[in-house]
Amino acid sequence: MTKKLEIYRCTHCGNIIEIMIGNGAPIVCCGEKMELLKEQTADTSMEKHVPFIEETEDGYTVRIGENQEHPMNEDHYIQFIELVAGHHIYRQDLSPTDKPIATFKVPKADQVSAREYCNIHGLWRKDL
């Protein structure tokens, strides 16, 4: 059963999709059901994956790794950082040459969370 904001990945070609309106239908790519990415919230590895959200004067900054930046190279990097602020969703796509940080100049919201996707270690989430 698909639900709004769930993220799925094709295990064959690597396509990633996010559900905008969930109606319960299975998501298929390359002839097979796509894998639902589970949001991880606790980081015990050497690399830091849990997003760190900082409220700024005109929005929010999201860093991957509070005290130590996540590695960013061709083999291991953060592909996107997403901010959910109230009913609005903002996303910054990253490349291996970028820093693992995104600044969103957006209105403040009562409910704020951030997610990021590491090409090796999957989907991570933190609420503000």
Protein backbone atom coordinates (compact mmCIF):
# COMPACT_ATOMS: atom_id res chain seq x y z
CA MET A 1 0.00 0.00 0.00
CA THR A 2 1.62 3.21 -1.12
CA LYS A 3 1.35 6.32 1.05
CA LYS A 4 2.09 9.98 0.42
CA LEU A 5 5.80 10.89 0.74
CA GLU A 6 7.04 7.30 0.65
CA ILE A 7 10.19 6.85 -1.43
CA TYR A 8 10.74 3.77 -3.60
CA ARG A 9 13.84 2.53 -5.43
CA CYS A 10 14.17 0.09 -8.33
CA THR A 11 16.70 -2.60 -7.41
CA HIS A 12 17.52 -3.12 -11.10
CA CYS A 13 18.01 0.32 -12.66
CA GLY A 14 18.24 2.54 -9.55
CA ASN A 15 15.23 4.77 -10.37
CA ILE A 16 13.95 6.57 -7.27
CA ILE A 17 10.42 7.93 -6.95
CA GLU A 18 8.46 9.72 -4.24
CA ILE A 19 4.72 9.23 -3.86
CA MET A 20 2.76 12.46 -4.26
CA ILE A 21 -0.69 10.90 -3.87
CA GLY A 22 -0.86 7.38 -2.47
CA ASN A 23 -3.71 5.16 -3.55
CA GLY A 24 -2.37 1.79 -2.47
CA ALA A 25 -1.38 0.55 -5.93
CA PRO A 26 1.97 -1.28 -6.13
CA ILE A 27 4.83 0.63 -7.76
CA VAL A 28 6.57 -1.29 -10.54
CA CYS A 29 9.79 -0.64 -12.49
CA CYS A 30 11.77 -3.00 -14.74
CA GLY A 31 8.91 -5.50 -14.44
CA GLU A 32 9.15 -5.88 -10.64
CA LYS A 33 7.78 -4.14 -7.54
CA MET A 34 9.99 -1.32 -6.35
CA GLU A 35 11.63 -1.43 -2.92
CA LEU A 36 10.16 0.87 -0.24
CA LEU A 37 13.05 2.78 1.37
CA LYS A 38 12.69 2.74 5.14
CA GLU A 39 13.65 5.95 6.92
CA GLN A 40 16.56 5.29 9.24
CA THR A 41 16.97 7.59 12.24
CA ALA A 42 19.91 6.31 14.32
CA ASP A 43 23.46 6.44 13.00
CA THR A 44 26.11 4.15 14.46
CA SER A 45 28.57 4.17 11.55
CA MET A 46 31.70 6.25 11.13
CA GLU A 47 30.03 8.34 8.42
CA LYS A 48 27.20 10.45 9.68
CA HIS A 49 23.88 10.17 7.86
CA VAL A 50 21.20 11.62 10.13
CA PRO A 51 20.29 15.12 8.87
CA PHE A 52 21.01 18.01 11.22
CA ILE A 53 18.44 20.82 10.84
CA GLU A 54 19.33 24.37 11.80
CA GLU A 55 16.68 27.09 11.84
CA THR A 56 17.97 30.28 10.21
CA GLU A 57 16.58 33.79 9.99
CA ASP A 58 14.98 33.13 6.61
CA GLY A 59 14.44 29.36 6.60
CA TYR A 60 16.43 26.22 7.40
CA THR A 61 19.84 24.75 6.69
CA VAL A 62 20.24 20.97 6.58
CA ARG A 63 23.68 19.42 7.06
CA ILE A 64 24.49 15.75 6.73
CA GLY A 65 26.75 15.04 9.67
CA GLU A 66 26.47 17.37 12.65
CA ASN A 67 30.15 17.29 13.66
CA GLN A 68 31.66 15.41 10.70
CA GLU A 69 30.55 15.90 7.09
CA HIS A 70 29.39 12.91 5.13
CA PRO A 71 31.91 11.89 2.40
CA MET A 72 31.15 13.19 -1.07
CA ASN A 73 32.92 11.28 -3.85
CA GLU A 74 31.94 9.35 -7.00
CA ASP A 75 31.44 6.07 -5.13
CA HIS A 76 29.74 7.35 -1.96
CA TYR A 77 27.68 10.52 -1.73
CA ILE A 78 24.39 12.14 -0.72
CA GLN A 79 22.12 12.26 -3.78
CA PHE A 80 19.50 14.62 -2.35
CA ILE A 81 18.44 16.49 0.75
CA GLU A 82 14.74 17.11 1.30
CA LEU A 83 13.02 19.46 3.74
CA VAL A 84 9.37 18.96 4.68
CA ALA A 85 8.04 22.15 6.29
CA GLY A 86 4.35 21.97 7.10
CA HIS A 87 2.59 20.95 3.89
CA HIS A 88 5.48 21.99 1.62
CA ILE A 89 8.31 19.83 0.31
CA TYR A 90 11.65 21.25 -0.85
CA ARG A 91 14.48 19.23 -2.37
CA GLN A 92 18.10 19.92 -3.26
CA ASP A 93 19.79 17.43 -5.58
CA LEU A 94 23.52 16.96 -4.98
CA SER A 95 26.44 15.65 -7.00
CA PRO A 96 29.65 14.03 -5.67
CA THR A 97 31.48 17.37 -5.92
CA ASP A 98 28.97 19.24 -3.70
CA LYS A 99 29.11 19.68 0.05
CA PRO A 100 26.47 17.67 1.98
CA ILE A 101 24.46 20.76 2.93
CA ALA A 102 21.35 22.52 1.64
CA THR A 103 19.90 25.89 2.55
CA PHE A 104 16.18 26.43 2.10
CA LYS A 105 14.88 30.01 2.24
CA VAL A 106 11.29 29.15 3.09
CA PRO A 107 8.57 30.21 5.54
CA LYS A 108 8.75 28.80 9.05
CA ALA A 109 6.49 25.86 9.86
CA ASP A 110 5.20 24.14 13.00
CA GLN A 111 6.28 20.71 11.77
CA VAL A 112 9.69 20.40 10.09
CA SER A 113 11.65 17.32 9.10
CA ALA A 114 14.56 16.56 6.80
CA ARG A 115 15.47 13.47 4.80
CA GLU A 116 18.54 12.59 2.82
CA TYR A 117 19.46 9.74 0.52
CA CYS A 118 22.94 8.22 0.55
CA ASN A 119 23.67 6.14 -2.55
CA ILE A 120 25.14 3.38 -0.36
CA HIS A 121 23.40 3.60 3.03
CA GLY A 122 19.87 4.59 1.98
CA LEU A 123 17.27 7.00 3.33
CA TRP A 124 17.67 8.92 6.61
CA ARG A 125 15.28 11.25 8.48
CA LYS A 126 15.21 13.63 11.41
CA ASP A 127 12.45 15.85 12.81
CA LEU A 128 13.20 19.31 14.13
